[in-house]
Amino acid sequence: MKAKYLVIIGLLAATFAACSRDEESLFDKPAAVRAQEAIDNAFDVLTSAENGWEMAYFPNLEASAKGYNMVLKFSKNGNVSVTAKNSATTMNKIMTDTASTWAVKSDYGPILTFDTYNDVFHAFSDPQENGAGLLGDYEFLILKATPDLVLLKGKKHSAYTVMRPMKNTDLTAYFAACEKMQSKLFGNNNIVTLNQGDENMYLYNGASGQFQSAAYGSPLVAEAATYHPVCSTEDGIIVSMGFGEDIHDHIFYYNEEKGELKSEQGAVMNAGNLNVLFRTFFTDNAYGWAVDTTGIAAVAPFIERINTIASDKTKSSRIKQMGYGYKQSFNMYEGGYFVHIQIGYKNQGKGKEQVVNLVWTADFDVDEDGITISNLVAYDEKPDDGKEGNTERWVNAAPEVLDIIEVLTGRFTAAPGANLFNAVSGMKLVGSTQELLIKGTTSMKI
């Protein structure tokens, strides 16, 4: 019995001795030495990039914040070159300042500071007429410094900024490529779906320089949104803040063939289920959508009838001469769905152009498998004198318009346009006999 106890005591003693050695190994250098090593590492990394660093700079995390592209080159003699092109500080021209200095200092960890004034960089932290300016930082906590990635956090405003080694030595080409990516991904102010582990959400308003987020399948309500500043790059996007409590992806790479942005940790941004997206983007928020009349055979007979009416002087008082085509759109109005056919005309071809709205009510059902448009009924508010309403008058004069209404009726499935990521740009509603090309807008004037 005593032998067993002796063995256990011996094992415990060995365990305590191992822990003691680990602690000695972890703290075998004084704090000042460890701090200096972190400073030296950051300095070596920052000066090692032959072509300089691409910086996705985020001044702050305010609701109006956005990301900015910069190119920085750190020299070992303490000088720094900063180049930028944006509408906020350089009037959309490429501007470079090579006459300022930088340093890495210690303040409870390594700090990157731009310690003399740089016309390009400090423009973000300068106070302006409102006394605040763009609320940018010029001192940063260095959270990570490797030859492939530097992650910074603003000392005052806490926004994360990301730097990667520059691949492109042509700065004009670099900024042009970033602008091209911005246009490709967000040119139509589209909405995308983020798939991140078990979490899905909508991201929208990327064209403004910051995502707003909403729960998947829910209305896009600005008052309830969270904000995520975003910066377009040559190969995708960089965001300042991640999209969840546990996952903090900053860099998303664009795959044009798949039409998606994907992070190194596997989070994916894409159009997602287009039928659900269609309902959310175009109906829940009354953004509206227009149908391109190209490809609708019923249009030509209607236009021919309108031209016949316009040339008949005896009827010119009923249906005036046409000035330019028409379009259809779906909009939410007072809780119901309406179909509007807009017709523009001039009085006898002269004077101010006017728009006439022909209106039908519709049942509009969207699910995860498609869209059903049914029960289109002409809608008119009768004039007080009991005469024909506007829609009724046009239907009686040009009944060919009913063939167009017939085309808009039925079951459709949403399909993307040529740009798979920016799916609402050129989105199609594909029916059994008719394909409708959608021209989405964020504000439909009816």
Protein backbone atom coordinates (compact mmCIF):
# COMPACT_ATOMS: atom_id res chain seq x y z
CA MET A 1 0.00 0.00 0.00
CA LYS A 2 2.81 2.44 0.89
CA ALA A 3 4.54 1.72 -2.45
CA LYS A 4 1.46 2.79 -4.40
CA TYR A 5 1.29 6.07 -2.53
CA LEU A 6 4.98 6.68 -3.21
CA VAL A 7 4.47 6.14 -6.95
CA ILE A 8 1.58 8.65 -7.06
CA ILE A 9 3.52 11.26 -5.13
CA GLY A 10 6.44 10.83 -7.49
CA LEU A 11 4.25 11.36 -10.54
CA LEU A 12 2.72 14.50 -9.06
CA ALA A 13 6.13 15.86 -8.29
CA ALA A 14 7.22 15.24 -11.88
CA THR A 15 4.11 17.03 -13.20
CA PHE A 16 4.74 20.10 -11.05
CA ALA A 17 8.33 20.16 -12.22
CA ALA A 18 7.22 20.09 -15.90
CA CYS A 19 4.80 22.99 -15.34
CA SER A 20 7.55 24.96 -13.67
CA ARG A 21 9.87 24.44 -16.63
CA ASP A 22 7.11 25.54 -19.09
CA GLU A 23 6.57 28.73 -17.16
CA GLU A 24 10.29 29.42 -17.11
CA SER A 25 10.40 28.87 -20.90
CA LEU A 26 7.43 31.20 -21.49
CA PHE A 27 8.80 34.04 -19.41
CA ASP A 28 12.53 33.48 -19.86
CA LYS A 29 12.91 37.00 -21.35
CA PRO A 30 12.18 40.29 -19.63
CA ALA A 31 9.12 42.22 -20.86
CA ALA A 32 11.32 44.95 -22.34
CA VAL A 33 13.20 42.40 -24.45
CA ARG A 34 10.01 40.80 -25.75
CA ALA A 35 8.60 44.24 -26.60
CA GLN A 36 11.73 45.17 -28.53
CA GLU A 37 11.62 41.88 -30.46
CA ALA A 38 8.02 42.63 -31.51
CA ILE A 39 9.06 46.11 -32.65
CA ASP A 40 12.04 44.74 -34.58
CA ASN A 41 9.87 42.09 -36.27
CA ALA A 42 7.26 44.65 -37.32
CA PHE A 43 9.95 46.98 -38.66
CA ASP A 44 11.59 44.18 -40.65
CA VAL A 45 8.25 43.04 -42.10
CA LEU A 46 7.11 46.54 -43.10
CA THR A 47 10.37 47.33 -44.86
CA SER A 48 10.62 43.93 -46.56
CA ALA A 49 7.93 44.37 -49.24
CA GLU A 50 9.81 45.20 -52.43
CA ASN A 51 6.83 46.88 -54.12
CA GLY A 52 5.35 48.30 -50.94
CA TRP A 53 2.03 47.44 -49.31
CA GLU A 54 -1.55 47.54 -50.47
CA MET A 55 -3.58 49.02 -47.62
CA ALA A 56 -7.35 48.71 -47.21
CA TYR A 57 -7.70 51.66 -44.86
CA PHE A 58 -10.77 52.07 -42.66
CA PRO A 59 -10.86 55.39 -40.79
CA ASN A 60 -13.52 54.36 -38.26
CA LEU A 61 -16.59 52.22 -37.68
CA GLU A 62 -19.24 54.91 -37.88
CA ALA A 63 -22.41 54.21 -39.89
CA SER A 64 -21.04 56.44 -42.67
CA ALA A 65 -17.60 54.79 -42.76
CA LYS A 66 -16.13 53.12 -45.84
CA GLY A 67 -12.83 51.64 -46.97
CA TYR A 68 -10.11 53.35 -49.02
CA ASN A 69 -7.32 51.93 -51.18
CA MET A 70 -3.80 53.16 -50.46
CA VAL A 71 -0.30 52.07 -51.41
CA LEU A 72 2.48 52.53 -48.84
CA LYS A 73 6.21 51.97 -49.06
CA PHE A 74 8.24 52.03 -45.85
CA SER A 75 11.96 52.73 -46.04
CA LYS A 76 14.49 51.74 -43.41
CA ASN A 77 15.61 55.36 -43.00
CA GLY A 78 12.18 56.23 -41.58
CA ASN A 79 10.57 57.79 -44.65
CA VAL A 80 7.22 56.60 -45.99
CA SER A 81 5.55 57.05 -49.38
CA VAL A 82 1.74 57.07 -49.42
CA THR A 83 -0.39 57.02 -52.59
CA ALA A 84 -4.17 57.16 -52.83
CA LYS A 85 -7.00 57.88 -55.23
CA ASN A 86 -10.48 58.60 -53.88
CA SER A 87 -13.26 61.16 -53.91
CA ALA A 88 -12.92 62.03 -50.21
CA THR A 89 -9.35 63.34 -50.05
CA THR A 90 -7.69 63.37 -53.52
CA MET A 91 -10.53 64.55 -55.82
CA ASN A 92 -10.40 61.18 -57.64
CA LYS A 93 -6.83 61.83 -58.76
CA ILE A 94 -3.77 59.76 -57.90
CA MET A 95 -1.86 61.64 -55.21
CA THR A 96 1.48 60.70 -53.63
CA ASP A 97 3.37 62.18 -50.67
CA THR A 98 6.90 60.92 -50.03
CA ALA A 99 8.01 63.58 -47.53
CA SER A 100 6.78 62.20 -44.20
CA THR A 101 8.12 59.74 -41.64
CA TRP A 102 6.97 56.66 -39.79
CA ALA A 103 8.04 54.60 -36.80
CA VAL A 104 7.20 51.51 -34.78
CA LYS A 105 7.00 52.24 -31.07
CA SER A 106 5.99 50.38 -27.92
CA ASP A 107 2.79 51.14 -26.03
CA TYR A 108 1.55 47.92 -24.41
CA GLY A 109 2.50 46.31 -27.71
CA PRO A 110 4.00 47.49 -31.02
CA ILE A 111 2.42 50.67 -32.47
CA LEU A 112 2.71 51.85 -36.08
CA THR A 113 2.68 55.64 -36.14
CA PHE A 114 2.85 58.14 -38.97
CA ASP A 115 4.61 60.72 -36.85
CA THR A 116 5.05 63.62 -39.28
CA TYR A 117 2.36 65.09 -41.50
CA ASN A 118 1.57 63.30 -44.75
CA ASP A 119 -0.73 65.13 -47.18
CA VAL A 120 -2.35 61.88 -48.32
CA PHE A 121 -2.62 59.93 -45.09
CA HIS A 122 -3.35 62.62 -42.50
CA ALA A 123 -6.15 64.07 -44.64
CA PHE A 124 -8.37 61.44 -43.00
CA SER A 125 -7.60 62.65 -39.48
CA ASP A 126 -7.64 66.40 -40.17
CA PRO A 127 -10.55 68.29 -38.60
CA GLN A 128 -12.81 69.91 -41.19
CA GLU A 129 -15.60 72.47 -41.09
CA ASN A 130 -17.67 70.23 -38.84
CA GLY A 131 -14.78 70.01 -36.38
CA ALA A 132 -14.42 66.24 -36.82
CA GLY A 133 -13.53 65.51 -40.44
CA LEU A 134 -13.31 61.87 -41.50
CA LEU A 135 -12.35 60.62 -38.02
CA GLY A 136 -9.34 58.68 -39.28
CA ASP A 137 -6.50 57.16 -37.26
CA TYR A 138 -2.79 57.64 -37.88
CA GLU A 139 -1.60 55.41 -35.03
CA PHE A 140 -2.33 51.70 -35.05
CA LEU A 141 -1.91 48.67 -32.83
CA ILE A 142 -0.01 46.04 -34.81
CA LEU A 143 -2.01 42.87 -34.21
CA LYS A 144 -0.21 40.73 -36.77
CA ALA A 145 2.91 41.29 -38.86
CA THR A 146 4.00 38.61 -41.34
CA PRO A 147 5.51 38.92 -44.83
CA ASP A 148 2.06 38.09 -46.29
CA LEU A 149 -0.27 40.08 -44.05
CA VAL A 150 -0.25 42.98 -41.60
CA LEU A 151 -3.37 43.50 -39.48
CA LEU A 152 -3.76 46.85 -37.74
CA LYS A 153 -6.32 48.31 -35.35
CA GLY A 154 -6.85 52.06 -35.08
CA LYS A 155 -5.66 53.26 -31.67
CA LYS A 156 -8.43 55.82 -31.30
CA HIS A 157 -11.36 54.67 -33.47
CA SER A 158 -10.78 50.88 -33.32
CA ALA A 159 -11.35 50.07 -37.01
CA TYR A 160 -9.32 47.18 -38.41
CA THR A 161 -7.06 47.95 -41.38
CA VAL A 162 -5.45 45.28 -43.57
CA MET A 163 -2.19 45.43 -45.54
CA ARG A 164 -0.87 42.96 -48.11
CA PRO A 165 2.30 43.07 -50.26
CA MET A 166 1.73 44.88 -53.56
CA LYS A 167 1.82 42.66 -56.63
CA ASN A 168 1.26 45.43 -59.16
CA THR A 169 4.05 47.99 -59.61
CA ASP A 170 1.90 50.16 -61.91
CA LEU A 171 -0.11 52.32 -59.51
CA THR A 172 -2.39 53.65 -62.25
CA ALA A 173 -3.27 50.09 -63.23
CA TYR A 174 -3.74 49.13 -59.58
CA PHE A 175 -6.31 51.82 -58.79
CA ALA A 176 -8.07 51.14 -62.10
CA ALA A 177 -8.32 47.45 -61.20
CA CYS A 178 -9.83 48.28 -57.79
CA GLU A 179 -12.41 50.55 -59.43
CA LYS A 180 -13.23 47.83 -61.97
CA MET A 181 -13.81 45.32 -59.19
CA GLN A 182 -16.05 47.79 -57.35
CA SER A 183 -18.14 48.26 -60.50
CA LYS A 184 -18.28 44.53 -61.24
CA LEU A 185 -19.42 43.56 -57.75
CA PHE A 186 -21.60 46.50 -56.75
CA GLY A 187 -22.37 48.43 -59.92
CA ASN A 188 -26.12 47.87 -59.55
CA ASN A 189 -26.16 48.27 -55.75
CA ASN A 190 -27.16 44.65 -55.47
CA ILE A 191 -27.85 42.35 -52.56
CA VAL A 192 -25.85 39.19 -51.84
CA THR A 193 -26.18 36.27 -49.46
CA LEU A 194 -23.41 35.49 -46.97
CA ASN A 195 -23.06 31.81 -46.09
CA GLN A 196 -20.82 31.51 -43.04
CA GLY A 197 -20.92 28.17 -41.30
CA ASP A 198 -24.49 27.71 -40.03
CA GLU A 199 -25.25 31.41 -40.40
CA ASN A 200 -26.81 33.05 -43.47
CA MET A 201 -27.53 36.74 -43.89
CA TYR A 202 -28.17 39.37 -46.54
CA LEU A 203 -25.54 41.99 -47.30
CA TYR A 204 -26.55 45.04 -49.30
CA ASN A 205 -25.56 48.64 -50.09
CA GLY A 206 -22.02 47.57 -50.98
CA ALA A 207 -21.91 50.34 -53.58
CA SER A 208 -21.91 52.88 -50.74
CA GLY A 209 -18.62 51.51 -49.39
CA GLN A 210 -20.22 49.67 -46.50
CA PHE A 211 -22.41 46.62 -46.25
CA GLN A 212 -25.62 46.72 -44.31
CA SER A 213 -26.76 43.33 -43.07
CA ALA A 214 -30.11 41.69 -42.43
CA ALA A 215 -31.25 38.23 -41.43
CA TYR A 216 -31.73 35.85 -44.36
CA GLY A 217 -35.23 36.07 -45.83
CA SER A 218 -36.16 39.15 -43.80
CA PRO A 219 -36.95 42.67 -45.06
CA LEU A 220 -34.04 45.05 -45.53
CA VAL A 221 -34.87 47.56 -42.83
CA ALA A 222 -32.18 50.22 -42.53
CA GLU A 223 -33.06 51.05 -38.92
CA ALA A 224 -32.26 47.47 -37.86
CA ALA A 225 -29.13 46.97 -39.96
CA THR A 226 -25.56 46.58 -38.79
CA TYR A 227 -22.77 48.24 -40.76
CA HIS A 228 -19.62 46.67 -42.20
CA PRO A 229 -17.21 49.00 -44.05
CA VAL A 230 -15.90 47.39 -47.24
CA CYS A 231 -13.04 48.13 -49.64
CA SER A 232 -12.81 46.67 -53.17
CA THR A 233 -9.38 45.43 -54.26
CA GLU A 234 -7.81 43.92 -57.38
CA ASP A 235 -8.81 40.40 -56.39
CA GLY A 236 -11.95 40.85 -54.31
CA ILE A 237 -12.89 42.80 -51.20
CA ILE A 238 -11.58 43.49 -47.69
CA VAL A 239 -13.92 44.25 -44.79
CA SER A 240 -12.93 45.93 -41.54
CA MET A 241 -15.23 43.97 -39.25
CA GLY A 242 -16.27 40.35 -39.58
CA PHE A 243 -19.87 39.18 -39.82
CA GLY A 244 -20.18 37.18 -36.63
CA GLU A 245 -19.05 36.92 -33.05
CA ASP A 246 -16.76 33.94 -33.60
CA ILE A 247 -15.63 34.30 -37.23
CA HIS A 248 -13.79 37.42 -38.31
CA ASP A 249 -12.89 37.02 -41.97
CA HIS A 250 -11.38 40.17 -43.44
CA ILE A 251 -10.31 39.13 -46.96
CA PHE A 252 -12.67 37.69 -49.60
CA TYR A 253 -11.34 36.60 -53.02
CA TYR A 254 -13.53 36.85 -56.13
CA ASN A 255 -14.13 33.84 -58.37
CA GLU A 256 -15.74 35.13 -61.56
CA GLU A 257 -16.53 31.67 -62.92
CA LYS A 258 -18.58 30.83 -59.83
CA GLY A 259 -19.78 34.37 -59.26
CA GLU A 260 -18.79 34.36 -55.60
CA LEU A 261 -16.50 35.90 -53.01
CA LYS A 262 -14.82 33.40 -50.70
CA SER A 263 -12.67 33.89 -47.61
CA GLU A 264 -9.74 31.74 -46.55
CA GLN A 265 -11.90 30.39 -43.71
CA GLY A 266 -14.60 29.28 -46.14
CA ALA A 267 -17.27 31.99 -45.81
CA VAL A 268 -18.99 32.62 -49.16
CA MET A 269 -20.83 35.61 -50.59
CA ASN A 270 -22.99 35.02 -53.66
CA ALA A 271 -26.45 35.70 -55.06
CA GLY A 272 -27.92 32.76 -53.17
CA ASN A 273 -31.49 31.70 -53.93
CA LEU A 274 -32.61 34.23 -56.54
CA ASN A 275 -36.31 33.64 -55.95
CA VAL A 276 -35.95 34.51 -52.27
CA LEU A 277 -33.63 37.39 -53.17
CA PHE A 278 -36.16 38.69 -55.68
CA ARG A 279 -38.87 38.83 -53.04
CA THR A 280 -36.61 40.53 -50.51
CA PHE A 281 -34.97 43.08 -52.78
CA PHE A 282 -37.82 44.00 -55.09
CA THR A 283 -40.98 43.59 -53.05
CA ASP A 284 -40.42 43.70 -49.30
CA ASN A 285 -38.84 47.11 -49.65
CA ALA A 286 -40.85 48.55 -52.53
CA TYR A 287 -37.73 49.02 -54.62
CA GLY A 288 -39.69 48.07 -57.71
CA TRP A 289 -38.48 46.54 -60.92
CA ALA A 290 -38.96 47.25 -64.58
CA VAL A 291 -39.36 44.83 -67.46
CA ASP A 292 -37.29 45.37 -70.57
CA THR A 293 -39.79 45.21 -73.44
CA THR A 294 -37.19 43.63 -75.75
CA GLY A 295 -38.37 40.15 -76.68
CA ILE A 296 -42.05 40.71 -75.87
CA ALA A 297 -43.89 40.11 -79.16
CA ALA A 298 -47.09 41.73 -77.89
CA VAL A 299 -45.40 45.14 -77.76
CA ALA A 300 -45.28 45.78 -81.53
CA PRO A 301 -49.08 45.52 -82.14
CA PHE A 302 -49.73 47.81 -79.19
CA ILE A 303 -47.28 50.44 -80.44
CA GLU A 304 -48.75 50.14 -83.95
CA ARG A 305 -52.23 50.81 -82.55
CA ILE A 306 -50.94 53.80 -80.58
CA ASN A 307 -49.34 55.25 -83.69
CA THR A 308 -52.60 54.78 -85.60
CA ILE A 309 -54.51 56.60 -82.89
CA ALA A 310 -51.94 59.38 -82.78
CA SER A 311 -52.22 59.99 -86.51
CA ASP A 312 -56.02 60.14 -86.39
CA LYS A 313 -56.85 63.76 -85.71
CA THR A 314 -60.40 62.92 -84.75
CA LYS A 315 -59.15 60.87 -81.83
CA SER A 316 -56.18 62.97 -80.80
CA SER A 317 -58.10 64.41 -77.88
CA ARG A 318 -58.63 60.92 -76.39
CA ILE A 319 -55.19 59.37 -76.85
CA LYS A 320 -52.51 61.97 -77.61
CA GLN A 321 -49.48 61.48 -79.85
CA MET A 322 -46.81 59.23 -78.41
CA GLY A 323 -43.43 60.73 -77.55
CA TYR A 324 -41.53 57.64 -76.39
CA GLY A 325 -42.26 53.97 -75.60
CA TYR A 326 -43.41 52.52 -72.31
CA LYS A 327 -42.38 50.15 -69.57
CA GLN A 328 -43.97 47.90 -67.01
CA SER A 329 -43.11 47.70 -63.34
CA PHE A 330 -44.20 45.97 -60.16
CA ASN A 331 -44.42 48.09 -57.04
CA MET A 332 -45.88 47.75 -53.59
CA TYR A 333 -48.51 50.38 -52.93
CA GLU A 334 -50.69 50.58 -49.83
CA GLY A 335 -50.04 46.95 -49.03
CA GLY A 336 -50.99 45.52 -52.44
CA TYR A 337 -49.20 44.72 -55.68
CA PHE A 338 -49.90 46.80 -58.75
CA VAL A 339 -48.80 46.51 -62.35
CA HIS A 340 -48.12 49.89 -63.92
CA ILE A 341 -47.68 50.40 -67.64
CA GLN A 342 -46.17 53.82 -68.15
CA ILE A 343 -46.86 55.62 -71.42
CA GLY A 344 -45.14 58.87 -72.28
CA TYR A 345 -46.60 61.32 -74.76
CA LYS A 346 -46.59 64.91 -75.94
CA ASN A 347 -49.66 66.92 -76.75
CA GLN A 348 -49.70 66.72 -80.58
CA GLY A 349 -45.95 66.10 -80.40
CA LYS A 350 -45.28 69.46 -78.79
CA GLY A 351 -44.72 70.83 -75.34
CA LYS A 352 -43.79 69.05 -72.12
CA GLU A 353 -43.62 65.27 -72.05
CA GLN A 354 -46.16 63.63 -69.77
CA VAL A 355 -46.54 60.13 -68.37
CA VAL A 356 -49.76 58.15 -68.18
CA ASN A 357 -50.04 55.20 -65.79
CA LEU A 358 -52.25 52.27 -66.68
CA VAL A 359 -52.79 50.17 -63.58
CA TRP A 360 -53.77 46.58 -62.85
CA THR A 361 -53.91 44.91 -59.45
CA ALA A 362 -52.19 41.55 -59.20
CA ASP A 363 -51.69 38.59 -56.90
CA PHE A 364 -47.93 38.22 -56.57
CA ASP A 365 -46.67 35.09 -54.82
CA VAL A 366 -42.94 34.44 -54.37
CA ASP A 367 -41.53 31.29 -52.79
CA GLU A 368 -38.18 29.50 -52.83
CA ASP A 369 -39.06 27.78 -56.10
CA GLY A 370 -40.39 30.66 -58.16
CA ILE A 371 -42.81 33.52 -58.68
CA THR A 372 -46.48 33.33 -59.63
CA ILE A 373 -48.24 36.41 -61.02
CA SER A 374 -52.01 36.02 -61.35
CA ASN A 375 -55.42 37.72 -61.25
CA LEU A 376 -54.43 40.93 -63.02
CA VAL A 377 -57.50 43.18 -62.91
CA ALA A 378 -57.71 46.66 -64.38
CA TYR A 379 -57.73 49.21 -61.58
CA ASP A 380 -59.39 52.59 -61.97
CA GLU A 381 -60.60 55.31 -59.74
CA LYS A 382 -63.66 56.56 -61.60
CA PRO A 383 -63.85 60.29 -62.17
CA ASP A 384 -66.61 62.09 -60.30
CA ASP A 385 -68.57 62.56 -63.53
CA GLY A 386 -68.81 58.75 -63.97
CA LYS A 387 -66.86 58.71 -67.25
CA GLU A 388 -64.18 56.19 -68.16
CA GLY A 389 -61.19 55.91 -65.86
CA ASN A 390 -57.74 56.32 -67.35
CA THR A 391 -56.90 52.60 -67.67
CA GLU A 392 -60.36 51.74 -68.97
CA ARG A 393 -60.13 54.48 -71.58
CA TRP A 394 -56.80 53.17 -72.87
CA VAL A 395 -57.89 49.53 -72.88
CA ASN A 396 -60.99 50.43 -74.93
CA ALA A 397 -58.90 52.50 -77.33
CA ALA A 398 -55.97 50.04 -77.62
CA PRO A 399 -57.10 46.57 -76.49
CA GLU A 400 -53.74 45.15 -77.64
CA VAL A 401 -52.40 46.19 -74.25
CA LEU A 402 -54.24 43.21 -72.78
CA ASP A 403 -51.89 40.89 -74.67
CA ILE A 404 -49.01 42.48 -72.78
CA ILE A 405 -50.82 41.92 -69.49
CA GLU A 406 -51.28 38.30 -70.51
CA VAL A 407 -47.50 37.95 -71.02
CA LEU A 408 -46.93 39.18 -67.46
CA THR A 409 -49.21 36.47 -66.07
CA GLY A 410 -48.04 33.02 -65.01
CA ARG A 411 -45.31 31.11 -63.22
CA PHE A 412 -41.72 32.33 -63.47
CA THR A 413 -38.34 31.33 -62.07
CA ALA A 414 -35.65 33.91 -61.36
CA ALA A 415 -32.38 33.44 -63.25
CA PRO A 416 -29.21 35.56 -63.10
CA GLY A 417 -27.86 37.77 -65.83
CA ALA A 418 -24.33 37.53 -67.21
CA ASN A 419 -22.82 38.76 -63.92
CA LEU A 420 -23.52 35.88 -61.55
CA PHE A 421 -22.48 37.81 -58.43
CA ASN A 422 -24.40 40.99 -59.24
CA ALA A 423 -27.42 38.89 -60.12
CA VAL A 424 -30.00 41.66 -60.08
CA SER A 425 -28.20 43.29 -62.99
CA GLY A 426 -29.89 41.66 -65.96
CA MET A 427 -31.89 39.21 -63.85
CA LYS A 428 -34.47 37.25 -65.83
CA LEU A 429 -37.87 35.84 -64.96
CA VAL A 430 -38.18 32.69 -67.05
CA GLY A 431 -41.70 31.43 -67.76
CA SER A 432 -43.03 28.56 -69.85
CA THR A 433 -43.54 30.75 -72.93
CA GLN A 434 -41.92 34.09 -72.09
CA GLU A 435 -38.64 35.32 -70.63
CA LEU A 436 -38.78 38.73 -68.94
CA LEU A 437 -35.55 40.70 -68.63
CA ILE A 438 -35.50 42.68 -65.39
CA LYS A 439 -34.04 46.16 -65.14
CA GLY A 440 -33.84 46.64 -61.39
CA THR A 441 -33.64 50.07 -59.78
CA THR A 442 -33.55 51.29 -56.22
CA SER A 443 -36.21 53.94 -56.84
CA MET A 444 -38.98 53.39 -59.34
CA LYS A 445 -40.69 56.59 -60.45
CA ILE A 446 -44.27 55.84 -61.27
